[in-house]
Amino acid sequence: MKLICRFIFLIALLFSGIALADDTLLQDKSASQQLLSLLKNIKSLQATFVQESYDAKNTLLQKQNGNFKVTEKGEFVWNIQAPYEQKIISDGKTIKIFDPDLEQLTIKPIDKKTQVIPLLLFSGDSEALTKQYNVSSSSADVYTLSAQNKNSLFDNLQISFKEGKPDSLTIIDSMKQKTLVHFSQVDINQTINASSFLFEAPKGVDVIDERKIDEH
């Protein structure tokens, strides 16, 4: 069974503000301030990734490869390679999920209740994070976000940086399933053409527009 790239719906929470988990200081700054400082330097991010998804018993469920582009405006595009080919695109207002093997395009609205990692990480909406997550750090460039309540998107997320660039993510959700994401060929603050975040359904593809459903 194909799993939607869980990394996508768990990735841009980090690029806004974070709450402090304890009194630990790193170079005279709190862990949250350190992390926020790193994230504020990122206006756009593009990279390739390898993602591994595990169940609660640490059994490998799926391994995916792909590449992505994200901007601080909430725009993003994820390309997941075969055999789990999928394309997920957002212009900051809607999310489009294209499954070539199913010949299906699903369009979802985005609102403040939508917890999509690329949006939350780059949106600059620090209040969303400071109310829901605590931040701690055991070493420089490795930060852990812990949920403050049961309704959070994930229980625990750890992000590491290398030379100021995101290097890896470890995500544990409320079902105790784990997602490991390793980045490579990371570029930050490169100009990304706006057309990268536009997508029209190919001819013959079944379109499910959930925006129309929400209107009723």
N, C-alpha and C. Protein backbone atom coordinates (compact mmCIF):
# COMPACT_ATOMS: atom_id res chain seq x y z
N MET A 1 0.85 -1.20 0.00
CA MET A 1 0.00 0.00 0.00
C MET A 1 0.88 1.25 0.00
N LYS A 2 0.50 2.22 -0.83
CA LYS A 2 1.26 3.46 -0.88
C LYS A 2 0.91 4.33 0.32
N LEU A 3 1.96 4.85 0.98
CA LEU A 3 1.74 5.79 2.07
C LEU A 3 2.06 7.17 1.55
N ILE A 4 1.15 8.16 1.77
CA ILE A 4 1.49 9.53 1.40
C ILE A 4 2.75 9.90 2.17
N CYS A 5 3.63 10.62 1.54
CA CYS A 5 4.89 10.98 2.18
C CYS A 5 4.59 11.70 3.50
N ARG A 6 4.68 10.97 4.62
CA ARG A 6 4.33 11.52 5.93
C ARG A 6 5.22 12.70 6.28
N PHE A 7 6.40 12.69 5.74
CA PHE A 7 7.33 13.79 5.96
C PHE A 7 6.72 15.12 5.53
N ILE A 8 5.96 15.10 4.44
CA ILE A 8 5.36 16.33 3.95
C ILE A 8 4.38 16.91 4.94
N PHE A 9 3.54 16.04 5.50
CA PHE A 9 2.52 16.53 6.41
C PHE A 9 3.06 16.65 7.81
N LEU A 10 4.30 16.40 7.99
CA LEU A 10 4.96 16.64 9.27
C LEU A 10 6.06 17.66 9.10
N ILE A 11 6.50 18.59 7.59
CA ILE A 11 7.84 19.27 7.50
C ILE A 11 7.75 20.74 7.59
N ALA A 12 7.15 21.61 7.57
CA ALA A 12 7.60 22.97 7.72
C ALA A 12 7.18 23.64 9.00
N LEU A 13 6.82 22.84 10.01
CA LEU A 13 6.58 23.31 11.37
C LEU A 13 7.81 23.98 11.95
N LEU A 14 8.95 23.57 11.48
CA LEU A 14 10.18 24.02 12.09
C LEU A 14 10.58 25.42 11.69
N PHE A 15 10.13 25.88 10.54
CA PHE A 15 10.63 27.16 10.07
C PHE A 15 9.76 28.32 10.52
N SER A 16 9.21 28.24 11.72
CA SER A 16 8.62 29.40 12.38
C SER A 16 9.18 29.44 13.78
N GLY A 17 8.45 29.91 14.81
CA GLY A 17 9.03 30.05 16.13
C GLY A 17 8.76 28.87 17.02
N ILE A 18 9.58 28.67 18.05
CA ILE A 18 9.47 27.50 18.90
C ILE A 18 9.46 27.90 20.38
N ALA A 19 8.84 27.07 21.21
CA ALA A 19 8.81 27.33 22.65
C ALA A 19 9.99 26.70 23.36
N LEU A 20 10.39 27.29 24.45
CA LEU A 20 11.51 26.78 25.23
C LEU A 20 11.08 25.65 26.16
N ALA A 21 11.83 24.54 26.15
CA ALA A 21 11.46 23.38 26.96
C ALA A 21 12.08 23.42 28.35
N ASP A 22 13.28 23.98 28.45
CA ASP A 22 13.93 24.02 29.76
C ASP A 22 14.82 25.25 29.83
N ASP A 23 15.69 25.29 30.83
CA ASP A 23 16.54 26.48 31.00
C ASP A 23 17.91 26.31 30.39
N THR A 24 18.11 25.24 29.58
CA THR A 24 19.40 25.01 28.97
C THR A 24 19.78 26.17 28.05
N LEU A 25 21.01 26.65 28.16
CA LEU A 25 21.48 27.73 27.30
C LEU A 25 22.57 27.22 26.37
N LEU A 26 22.50 27.64 25.13
CA LEU A 26 23.53 27.33 24.16
C LEU A 26 24.11 28.65 23.68
N GLN A 27 25.38 28.88 23.95
CA GLN A 27 26.03 30.11 23.55
C GLN A 27 25.20 31.33 23.98
N ASP A 28 24.75 31.33 25.23
CA ASP A 28 24.00 32.42 25.82
C ASP A 28 22.62 32.62 25.20
N LYS A 29 22.12 31.64 24.48
CA LYS A 29 20.77 31.72 23.93
C LYS A 29 20.02 30.45 24.27
N SER A 30 18.71 30.55 24.42
CA SER A 30 17.92 29.36 24.67
C SER A 30 17.89 28.48 23.44
N ALA A 31 17.51 27.22 23.62
CA ALA A 31 17.43 26.29 22.50
C ALA A 31 16.46 26.81 21.44
N SER A 32 15.33 27.35 21.89
CA SER A 32 14.35 27.85 20.92
C SER A 32 14.90 29.04 20.13
N GLN A 33 15.61 29.91 20.81
CA GLN A 33 16.19 31.07 20.12
C GLN A 33 17.25 30.65 19.12
N GLN A 34 18.04 29.64 19.49
CA GLN A 34 19.06 29.13 18.59
C GLN A 34 18.42 28.55 17.33
N LEU A 35 17.38 27.74 17.54
CA LEU A 35 16.72 27.11 16.40
C LEU A 35 16.05 28.16 15.52
N LEU A 36 15.36 29.09 16.15
CA LEU A 36 14.68 30.13 15.40
C LEU A 36 15.67 30.95 14.58
N SER A 37 16.84 31.19 15.14
CA SER A 37 17.88 31.93 14.43
C SER A 37 18.31 31.19 13.16
N LEU A 38 18.44 29.87 13.26
CA LEU A 38 18.80 29.06 12.09
C LEU A 38 17.70 29.10 11.04
N LEU A 39 16.46 28.97 11.49
CA LEU A 39 15.34 28.90 10.57
C LEU A 39 15.07 30.22 9.87
N LYS A 40 15.29 31.31 10.58
CA LYS A 40 15.03 32.62 9.99
C LYS A 40 15.97 32.93 8.83
N ASN A 41 17.10 32.24 8.79
CA ASN A 41 18.04 32.44 7.69
C ASN A 41 17.59 31.75 6.41
N ILE A 42 16.58 30.87 6.53
CA ILE A 42 16.14 30.08 5.38
C ILE A 42 14.89 30.71 4.77
N LYS A 43 15.05 31.27 3.59
CA LYS A 43 13.92 31.86 2.86
C LYS A 43 13.37 30.88 1.83
N SER A 44 14.21 30.00 1.36
CA SER A 44 13.77 28.93 0.47
C SER A 44 14.71 27.75 0.68
N LEU A 45 14.20 26.57 0.42
CA LEU A 45 14.98 25.35 0.66
C LEU A 45 14.64 24.34 -0.42
N GLN A 46 15.67 23.72 -1.00
CA GLN A 46 15.44 22.63 -1.94
C GLN A 46 16.51 21.57 -1.72
N ALA A 47 16.09 20.32 -1.84
CA ALA A 47 17.01 19.22 -1.54
C ALA A 47 16.44 17.91 -2.07
N THR A 48 17.26 16.88 -2.06
CA THR A 48 16.77 15.53 -2.28
C THR A 48 16.64 14.88 -0.91
N PHE A 49 15.86 13.81 -0.82
CA PHE A 49 15.69 13.16 0.47
C PHE A 49 15.49 11.66 0.32
N VAL A 50 15.81 10.96 1.40
CA VAL A 50 15.48 9.55 1.55
C VAL A 50 14.67 9.45 2.83
N GLN A 51 13.48 8.86 2.74
CA GLN A 51 12.60 8.75 3.90
C GLN A 51 12.32 7.29 4.20
N GLU A 52 12.43 6.93 5.47
CA GLU A 52 12.10 5.58 5.93
C GLU A 52 10.99 5.68 6.96
N SER A 53 9.93 4.89 6.79
CA SER A 53 8.80 4.89 7.71
C SER A 53 8.75 3.56 8.46
N TYR A 54 8.60 3.64 9.80
CA TYR A 54 8.58 2.45 10.65
C TYR A 54 7.31 2.43 11.48
N ASP A 55 6.82 1.22 11.79
CA ASP A 55 5.67 1.12 12.67
C ASP A 55 6.13 1.17 14.12
N ALA A 56 5.18 1.02 15.05
CA ALA A 56 5.48 1.14 16.48
C ALA A 56 6.44 0.06 16.97
N LYS A 57 6.56 -1.05 16.19
CA LYS A 57 7.47 -2.13 16.56
C LYS A 57 8.81 -2.00 15.85
N ASN A 58 9.02 -0.84 15.21
CA ASN A 58 10.26 -0.53 14.51
C ASN A 58 10.47 -1.40 13.27
N THR A 59 9.38 -1.86 12.68
CA THR A 59 9.43 -2.62 11.44
C THR A 59 9.35 -1.65 10.26
N LEU A 60 10.26 -1.77 9.32
CA LEU A 60 10.28 -0.87 8.17
C LEU A 60 9.03 -1.08 7.32
N LEU A 61 8.26 -0.01 7.12
CA LEU A 61 7.04 -0.08 6.32
C LEU A 61 7.29 0.32 4.88
N GLN A 62 8.13 1.32 4.72
CA GLN A 62 8.32 1.86 3.38
C GLN A 62 9.57 2.73 3.33
N LYS A 63 10.21 2.72 2.17
CA LYS A 63 11.36 3.60 1.93
C LYS A 63 11.07 4.38 0.66
N GLN A 64 11.23 5.69 0.74
CA GLN A 64 10.92 6.57 -0.39
C GLN A 64 12.10 7.48 -0.69
N ASN A 65 12.22 7.83 -1.96
CA ASN A 65 13.23 8.78 -2.40
C ASN A 65 12.55 9.89 -3.17
N GLY A 66 13.13 11.07 -3.13
CA GLY A 66 12.54 12.15 -3.90
C GLY A 66 13.28 13.46 -3.72
N ASN A 67 12.64 14.52 -4.15
CA ASN A 67 13.21 15.86 -4.01
C ASN A 67 12.09 16.83 -3.73
N PHE A 68 12.44 17.99 -3.20
CA PHE A 68 11.42 18.98 -2.84
C PHE A 68 11.97 20.39 -2.93
N LYS A 69 11.02 21.33 -2.99
CA LYS A 69 11.31 22.76 -2.94
C LYS A 69 10.28 23.40 -2.02
N VAL A 70 10.72 24.32 -1.18
CA VAL A 70 9.82 25.00 -0.24
C VAL A 70 10.24 26.46 -0.12
N THR A 71 9.26 27.35 0.02
CA THR A 71 9.58 28.75 0.27
C THR A 71 8.89 29.22 1.54
N GLU A 72 9.35 30.34 2.07
CA GLU A 72 8.78 30.89 3.29
C GLU A 72 7.34 31.38 3.09
N LYS A 73 6.91 31.48 1.84
CA LYS A 73 5.55 31.93 1.54
C LYS A 73 4.53 30.79 1.70
N GLY A 74 5.00 29.60 2.01
CA GLY A 74 4.09 28.46 2.14
C GLY A 74 3.94 27.67 0.85
N GLU A 75 4.75 28.00 -0.16
CA GLU A 75 4.73 27.25 -1.41
C GLU A 75 5.65 26.04 -1.28
N PHE A 76 5.23 24.91 -1.82
CA PHE A 76 6.12 23.76 -1.83
C PHE A 76 5.74 22.77 -2.91
N VAL A 77 6.72 21.98 -3.32
CA VAL A 77 6.46 20.89 -4.25
C VAL A 77 7.31 19.70 -3.82
N TRP A 78 6.67 18.54 -3.68
CA TRP A 78 7.36 17.29 -3.34
C TRP A 78 7.21 16.32 -4.49
N ASN A 79 8.33 15.79 -4.95
CA ASN A 79 8.31 14.77 -5.99
C ASN A 79 8.84 13.48 -5.39
N ILE A 80 7.97 12.48 -5.30
CA ILE A 80 8.35 11.18 -4.76
C ILE A 80 8.56 10.23 -5.92
N GLN A 81 9.70 9.59 -5.97
CA GLN A 81 10.07 8.76 -7.10
C GLN A 81 9.42 7.38 -7.04
N ALA A 82 9.41 6.71 -8.20
CA ALA A 82 8.90 5.34 -8.30
C ALA A 82 9.68 4.43 -7.35
N PRO A 83 9.07 3.35 -6.82
CA PRO A 83 7.76 2.81 -7.22
C PRO A 83 6.57 3.46 -6.52
N TYR A 84 6.79 4.45 -5.66
CA TYR A 84 5.70 5.10 -4.94
C TYR A 84 5.50 6.50 -5.50
N GLU A 85 5.53 6.63 -6.80
CA GLU A 85 5.52 7.94 -7.44
C GLU A 85 4.31 8.77 -7.01
N GLN A 86 4.61 10.01 -6.68
CA GLN A 86 3.56 10.93 -6.24
C GLN A 86 4.12 12.35 -6.32
N LYS A 87 3.25 13.30 -6.59
CA LYS A 87 3.64 14.71 -6.65
C LYS A 87 2.68 15.49 -5.77
N ILE A 88 3.21 16.30 -4.86
CA ILE A 88 2.39 17.09 -3.95
C ILE A 88 2.83 18.55 -4.09
N ILE A 89 1.86 19.40 -4.40
CA ILE A 89 2.17 20.79 -4.73
C ILE A 89 1.27 21.72 -3.94
N SER A 90 1.82 22.86 -3.52
CA SER A 90 1.00 23.88 -2.88
C SER A 90 1.46 25.27 -3.30
N ASP A 91 0.49 26.11 -3.59
CA ASP A 91 0.78 27.52 -3.87
C ASP A 91 0.60 28.37 -2.62
N GLY A 92 0.42 27.70 -1.46
CA GLY A 92 0.20 28.41 -0.21
C GLY A 92 -1.27 28.55 0.14
N LYS A 93 -2.14 28.22 -0.82
CA LYS A 93 -3.59 28.32 -0.60
C LYS A 93 -4.27 26.96 -0.69
N THR A 94 -3.77 26.12 -1.59
CA THR A 94 -4.33 24.78 -1.76
C THR A 94 -3.21 23.76 -1.83
N ILE A 95 -3.56 22.51 -1.57
CA ILE A 95 -2.62 21.40 -1.73
C ILE A 95 -3.17 20.48 -2.81
N LYS A 96 -2.33 20.14 -3.77
CA LYS A 96 -2.72 19.21 -4.83
C LYS A 96 -1.87 17.95 -4.71
N ILE A 97 -2.54 16.80 -4.66
CA ILE A 97 -1.85 15.52 -4.53
C ILE A 97 -2.13 14.71 -5.80
N PHE A 98 -1.09 14.48 -6.58
CA PHE A 98 -1.25 13.78 -7.85
C PHE A 98 -0.64 12.38 -7.76
N ASP A 99 -1.48 11.38 -8.00
CA ASP A 99 -1.05 9.98 -8.02
C ASP A 99 -1.11 9.46 -9.45
N PRO A 100 0.03 9.41 -10.14
CA PRO A 100 0.03 8.98 -11.54
C PRO A 100 -0.51 7.57 -11.75
N ASP A 101 -0.17 6.64 -10.84
CA ASP A 101 -0.62 5.27 -11.03
C ASP A 101 -2.12 5.12 -10.86
N LEU A 102 -2.74 6.00 -10.07
CA LEU A 102 -4.19 5.99 -9.89
C LEU A 102 -4.89 6.92 -10.87
N GLU A 103 -4.09 7.70 -11.59
CA GLU A 103 -4.63 8.72 -12.50
C GLU A 103 -5.63 9.60 -11.75
N GLN A 104 -5.18 10.11 -10.62
CA GLN A 104 -6.06 10.86 -9.73
C GLN A 104 -5.35 12.09 -9.16
N LEU A 105 -6.07 13.21 -9.13
CA LEU A 105 -5.57 14.44 -8.51
C LEU A 105 -6.57 14.86 -7.44
N THR A 106 -6.07 15.02 -6.21
CA THR A 106 -6.90 15.47 -5.10
C THR A 106 -6.49 16.89 -4.72
N ILE A 107 -7.46 17.77 -4.62
CA ILE A 107 -7.20 19.17 -4.27
C ILE A 107 -7.80 19.45 -2.90
N LYS A 108 -6.98 19.92 -1.97
CA LYS A 108 -7.43 20.20 -0.61
C LYS A 108 -7.23 21.68 -0.28
N PRO A 109 -8.15 22.27 0.45
CA PRO A 109 -7.95 23.66 0.88
C PRO A 109 -6.96 23.73 2.03
N ILE A 110 -6.33 24.88 2.18
CA ILE A 110 -5.43 25.11 3.31
C ILE A 110 -6.02 26.22 4.16
N ASP A 111 -6.15 25.96 5.46
CA ASP A 111 -6.58 27.00 6.38
C ASP A 111 -5.71 26.91 7.62
N LYS A 112 -6.02 27.67 8.63
CA LYS A 112 -5.17 27.72 9.82
C LYS A 112 -5.18 26.42 10.60
N LYS A 113 -6.15 25.55 10.32
CA LYS A 113 -6.21 24.27 10.99
C LYS A 113 -5.34 23.23 10.31
N THR A 114 -4.89 23.55 9.10
CA THR A 114 -4.08 22.61 8.34
C THR A 114 -2.66 22.60 8.87
N GLN A 115 -2.23 21.45 9.37
CA GLN A 115 -0.88 21.34 9.91
C GLN A 115 0.01 20.62 8.90
N VAL A 116 0.54 21.38 7.98
CA VAL A 116 1.42 20.84 6.96
C VAL A 116 2.81 21.35 7.24
N ILE A 117 3.75 20.45 7.36
CA ILE A 117 5.08 20.83 7.80
C ILE A 117 5.69 21.94 6.96
N PRO A 118 5.68 21.89 5.63
CA PRO A 118 6.31 22.99 4.90
C PRO A 118 5.69 24.34 5.22
N LEU A 119 4.38 24.37 5.45
CA LEU A 119 3.72 25.62 5.77
C LEU A 119 4.11 26.10 7.16
N LEU A 120 4.08 25.21 8.12
CA LEU A 120 4.36 25.59 9.50
C LEU A 120 5.82 25.96 9.68
N LEU A 121 6.71 25.29 8.98
CA LEU A 121 8.13 25.58 9.13
C LEU A 121 8.48 26.95 8.55
N PHE A 122 7.89 27.30 7.43
CA PHE A 122 8.29 28.51 6.73
C PHE A 122 7.30 29.66 6.83
N SER A 123 6.17 29.44 7.47
CA SER A 123 5.12 30.45 7.46
C SER A 123 5.44 31.67 8.29
N GLY A 124 6.33 31.52 9.28
CA GLY A 124 6.63 32.63 10.17
C GLY A 124 5.60 32.80 11.27
N ASP A 125 4.67 31.87 11.36
CA ASP A 125 3.62 31.93 12.38
C ASP A 125 4.14 31.29 13.67
N SER A 126 4.88 32.06 14.43
CA SER A 126 5.53 31.51 15.62
C SER A 126 4.54 31.13 16.70
N GLU A 127 3.38 31.79 16.76
CA GLU A 127 2.40 31.50 17.80
C GLU A 127 1.90 30.06 17.72
N ALA A 128 1.77 29.52 16.51
CA ALA A 128 1.29 28.16 16.34
C ALA A 128 2.19 27.16 17.03
N LEU A 129 3.48 27.43 17.03
CA LEU A 129 4.43 26.50 17.63
C LEU A 129 4.63 26.73 19.12
N THR A 130 4.70 27.98 19.50
CA THR A 130 4.96 28.28 20.91
C THR A 130 3.83 27.81 21.81
N LYS A 131 2.64 27.65 21.24
CA LYS A 131 1.50 27.17 22.02
C LYS A 131 1.43 25.65 22.07
N GLN A 132 2.11 24.97 21.15
CA GLN A 132 1.95 23.53 21.03
C GLN A 132 3.21 22.71 21.30
N TYR A 133 4.38 23.31 21.14
CA TYR A 133 5.61 22.53 21.22
C TYR A 133 6.68 23.19 22.07
N ASN A 134 7.45 22.35 22.75
CA ASN A 134 8.61 22.79 23.52
C ASN A 134 9.87 22.41 22.75
N VAL A 135 10.92 23.17 22.96
CA VAL A 135 12.18 22.90 22.27
C VAL A 135 13.30 22.72 23.27
N SER A 136 14.13 21.71 23.03
CA SER A 136 15.33 21.49 23.85
C SER A 136 16.47 21.09 22.93
N SER A 137 17.68 21.14 23.45
CA SER A 137 18.83 20.76 22.64
C SER A 137 19.90 20.15 23.54
N SER A 138 20.36 18.97 23.14
CA SER A 138 21.40 18.29 23.90
C SER A 138 22.79 18.64 23.38
N SER A 139 22.84 19.15 22.15
CA SER A 139 24.11 19.55 21.55
C SER A 139 23.84 20.59 20.47
N ALA A 140 24.86 21.30 20.07
CA ALA A 140 24.69 22.33 19.05
C ALA A 140 24.20 21.72 17.75
N ASP A 141 23.24 22.37 17.12
CA ASP A 141 22.71 21.99 15.81
C ASP A 141 21.82 20.75 15.83
N VAL A 142 21.42 20.28 17.02
CA VAL A 142 20.46 19.18 17.12
C VAL A 142 19.36 19.64 18.08
N TYR A 143 18.12 19.71 17.58
CA TYR A 143 17.02 20.26 18.36
C TYR A 143 15.84 19.29 18.40
N THR A 144 15.20 19.22 19.56
CA THR A 144 14.06 18.33 19.74
C THR A 144 12.82 19.14 20.09
N LEU A 145 11.72 18.89 19.34
CA LEU A 145 10.43 19.52 19.61
C LEU A 145 9.54 18.47 20.25
N SER A 146 8.95 18.81 21.39
CA SER A 146 8.07 17.89 22.11
C SER A 146 6.68 18.50 22.23
N ALA A 147 5.67 17.69 21.97
CA ALA A 147 4.29 18.18 22.00
C ALA A 147 3.85 18.49 23.42
N GLN A 148 3.04 19.53 23.56
CA GLN A 148 2.50 19.91 24.85
C GLN A 148 1.11 19.33 25.11
N ASN A 149 0.44 18.85 24.06
CA ASN A 149 -0.90 18.28 24.26
C ASN A 149 -1.12 17.09 23.33
N LYS A 150 -2.18 16.36 23.56
CA LYS A 150 -2.46 15.11 22.84
C LYS A 150 -2.90 15.33 21.41
N ASN A 151 -3.33 16.53 21.08
CA ASN A 151 -3.85 16.80 19.74
C ASN A 151 -2.79 17.31 18.77
N SER A 152 -1.54 17.28 19.18
CA SER A 152 -0.46 17.77 18.34
C SER A 152 -0.22 16.85 17.16
N LEU A 153 0.38 17.41 16.11
CA LEU A 153 0.64 16.67 14.88
C LEU A 153 1.60 15.52 15.11
N PHE A 154 2.55 15.71 16.02
CA PHE A 154 3.50 14.65 16.34
C PHE A 154 3.85 14.73 17.82
N ASP A 155 4.34 13.63 18.36
CA ASP A 155 4.75 13.61 19.76
C ASP A 155 6.14 14.20 19.93
N ASN A 156 7.00 13.89 18.98
CA ASN A 156 8.41 14.26 19.12
C ASN A 156 9.03 14.42 17.74
N LEU A 157 9.79 15.47 17.55
CA LEU A 157 10.49 15.68 16.29
C LEU A 157 11.88 16.20 16.58
N GLN A 158 12.86 15.59 15.96
CA GLN A 158 14.24 16.03 16.13
C GLN A 158 14.80 16.45 14.78
N ILE A 159 15.36 17.63 14.73
CA ILE A 159 15.97 18.13 13.50
C ILE A 159 17.44 18.45 13.76
N SER A 160 18.28 18.06 12.83
CA SER A 160 19.70 18.36 12.96
C SER A 160 20.14 19.22 11.77
N PHE A 161 21.11 20.06 12.01
CA PHE A 161 21.64 20.94 10.99
C PHE A 161 23.13 20.65 10.78
N LYS A 162 23.60 20.93 9.59
CA LYS A 162 25.02 20.82 9.27
C LYS A 162 25.41 22.04 8.46
N GLU A 163 26.31 22.82 9.02
CA GLU A 163 26.75 24.06 8.38
C GLU A 163 25.57 24.97 8.06
N GLY A 164 24.62 25.04 9.01
CA GLY A 164 23.48 25.93 8.87
C GLY A 164 22.36 25.43 7.98
N LYS A 165 22.50 24.20 7.46
CA LYS A 165 21.48 23.63 6.58
C LYS A 165 20.84 22.41 7.24
N PRO A 166 19.52 22.21 7.04
CA PRO A 166 18.88 21.01 7.59
C PRO A 166 19.57 19.75 7.07
N ASP A 167 19.85 18.81 7.96
CA ASP A 167 20.57 17.60 7.59
C ASP A 167 19.71 16.34 7.72
N SER A 168 18.88 16.30 8.77
CA SER A 168 18.02 15.12 8.96
C SER A 168 16.86 15.45 9.89
N LEU A 169 15.82 14.63 9.81
CA LEU A 169 14.65 14.73 10.67
C LEU A 169 14.30 13.35 11.21
N THR A 170 13.90 13.30 12.47
CA THR A 170 13.33 12.08 13.05
C THR A 170 12.00 12.47 13.66
N ILE A 171 10.92 11.84 13.19
CA ILE A 171 9.57 12.21 13.61
C ILE A 171 8.88 11.01 14.24
N ILE A 172 8.29 11.20 15.41
CA ILE A 172 7.50 10.16 16.05
C ILE A 172 6.09 10.71 16.23
N ASP A 173 5.10 10.02 15.63
CA ASP A 173 3.74 10.54 15.69
C ASP A 173 2.97 9.98 16.88
N SER A 174 1.70 10.32 16.97
CA SER A 174 0.89 9.92 18.12
C SER A 174 0.64 8.42 18.18
N MET A 175 0.85 7.72 17.06
CA MET A 175 0.71 6.27 17.02
C MET A 175 2.04 5.56 17.27
N LYS A 176 3.05 6.34 17.65
CA LYS A 176 4.41 5.85 17.91
C LYS A 176 5.09 5.30 16.66
N GLN A 177 4.59 5.70 15.50
CA GLN A 177 5.27 5.36 14.26
C GLN A 177 6.38 6.37 14.03
N LYS A 178 7.44 5.92 13.42
CA LYS A 178 8.64 6.76 13.27
C LYS A 178 8.94 7.00 11.80
N THR A 179 9.34 8.22 11.49
CA THR A 179 9.76 8.59 10.15
C THR A 179 11.16 9.19 10.23
N LEU A 180 12.08 8.64 9.45
CA LEU A 180 13.44 9.16 9.38
C LEU A 180 13.64 9.78 8.00
N VAL A 181 14.12 11.01 7.97
CA VAL A 181 14.35 11.69 6.70
C VAL A 181 15.78 12.21 6.67
N HIS A 182 16.49 11.83 5.62
CA HIS A 182 17.88 12.28 5.44
C HIS A 182 17.95 13.16 4.19
N PHE A 183 18.54 14.35 4.34
CA PHE A 183 18.63 15.30 3.24
C PHE A 183 20.00 15.23 2.56
N SER A 184 20.03 15.54 1.28
CA SER A 184 21.28 15.67 0.56
C SER A 184 21.10 16.72 -0.54
N GLN A 185 22.19 17.19 -1.10
CA GLN A 185 22.16 18.23 -2.13
C GLN A 185 21.28 19.41 -1.70
N VAL A 186 21.51 19.86 -0.48
CA VAL A 186 20.69 20.92 0.12
C VAL A 186 21.13 22.30 -0.36
N ASP A 187 20.19 23.07 -0.88
CA ASP A 187 20.44 24.46 -1.27
C ASP A 187 19.46 25.35 -0.54
N ILE A 188 19.94 26.43 0.04
CA ILE A 188 19.05 27.39 0.69
C ILE A 188 19.15 28.74 0.01
N ASN A 189 18.03 29.43 0.01
CA ASN A 189 17.93 30.80 -0.49
C ASN A 189 18.28 30.96 -1.96
N GLN A 190 18.05 29.90 -2.73
CA GLN A 190 18.18 30.00 -4.18
C GLN A 190 16.83 30.42 -4.76
N THR A 191 16.85 31.21 -5.83
CA THR A 191 15.61 31.63 -6.45
C THR A 191 14.87 30.43 -7.04
N ILE A 192 13.58 30.32 -6.70
CA ILE A 192 12.76 29.23 -7.21
C ILE A 192 11.64 29.84 -8.05
N ASN A 193 11.55 29.42 -9.28
CA ASN A 193 10.53 29.94 -10.19
C ASN A 193 9.14 29.65 -9.66
N ALA A 194 8.26 30.65 -9.69
CA ALA A 194 6.89 30.49 -9.19
C ALA A 194 6.14 29.38 -9.91
N SER A 195 6.50 29.10 -11.15
CA SER A 195 5.82 28.06 -11.92
C SER A 195 6.03 26.67 -11.31
N SER A 196 7.03 26.54 -10.44
CA SER A 196 7.29 25.25 -9.80
C SER A 196 6.12 24.82 -8.91
N PHE A 197 5.33 25.80 -8.47
CA PHE A 197 4.25 25.52 -7.52
C PHE A 197 2.86 25.55 -8.16
N LEU A 198 2.85 25.47 -9.48
CA LEU A 198 1.60 25.41 -10.23
C LEU A 198 1.47 24.04 -10.88
N PHE A 199 0.26 23.51 -10.90
CA PHE A 199 0.06 22.18 -11.49
C PHE A 199 -1.37 22.03 -11.99
N GLU A 200 -1.50 21.57 -13.23
CA GLU A 200 -2.80 21.29 -13.81
C GLU A 200 -2.92 19.80 -14.07
N ALA A 201 -4.10 19.27 -13.84
CA ALA A 201 -4.31 17.84 -14.03
C ALA A 201 -4.13 17.45 -15.49
N PRO A 202 -3.35 16.41 -15.76
CA PRO A 202 -3.22 15.92 -17.13
C PRO A 202 -4.57 15.45 -17.67
N LYS A 203 -4.70 15.43 -18.97
CA LYS A 203 -5.95 15.01 -19.60
C LYS A 203 -6.30 13.58 -19.20
N GLY A 204 -7.57 13.37 -18.84
CA GLY A 204 -8.03 12.04 -18.49
C GLY A 204 -7.90 11.69 -17.02
N VAL A 205 -7.30 12.59 -16.22
CA VAL A 205 -7.11 12.32 -14.79
C VAL A 205 -8.38 12.66 -14.02
N ASP A 206 -8.74 11.82 -13.08
CA ASP A 206 -9.90 12.05 -12.22
C ASP A 206 -9.54 13.09 -11.16
N VAL A 207 -10.30 14.18 -11.09
CA VAL A 207 -10.03 15.26 -10.15
C VAL A 207 -11.04 15.24 -9.01
N ILE A 208 -10.53 15.15 -7.78
CA ILE A 208 -11.37 15.21 -6.58
C ILE A 208 -11.09 16.54 -5.89
N ASP A 209 -12.03 17.45 -6.00
CA ASP A 209 -11.83 18.80 -5.46
C ASP A 209 -12.55 18.92 -4.12
N GLU A 210 -11.80 18.79 -3.02
CA GLU A 210 -12.39 18.84 -1.69
C GLU A 210 -12.73 20.27 -1.26
N ARG A 211 -12.30 21.24 -2.02
CA ARG A 211 -12.69 22.62 -1.72
C ARG A 211 -14.19 22.79 -1.96
N LYS A 212 -14.70 22.15 -2.99
CA LYS A 212 -16.12 22.23 -3.30
C LYS A 212 -16.94 21.51 -2.25
N ILE A 213 -16.40 20.41 -1.73
CA ILE A 213 -17.09 19.66 -0.68
C ILE A 213 -17.23 20.52 0.56
N ASP A 214 -16.14 21.24 0.93
CA ASP A 214 -16.15 22.07 2.13
C ASP A 214 -17.14 23.24 2.01
N GLU A 215 -17.41 23.66 0.78
CA GLU A 215 -18.31 24.79 0.56
C GLU A 215 -19.75 24.42 0.91
N HIS A 216 -20.08 23.12 0.85
CA HIS A 216 -21.44 22.65 1.13
C HIS A 216 -21.54 22.25 2.55
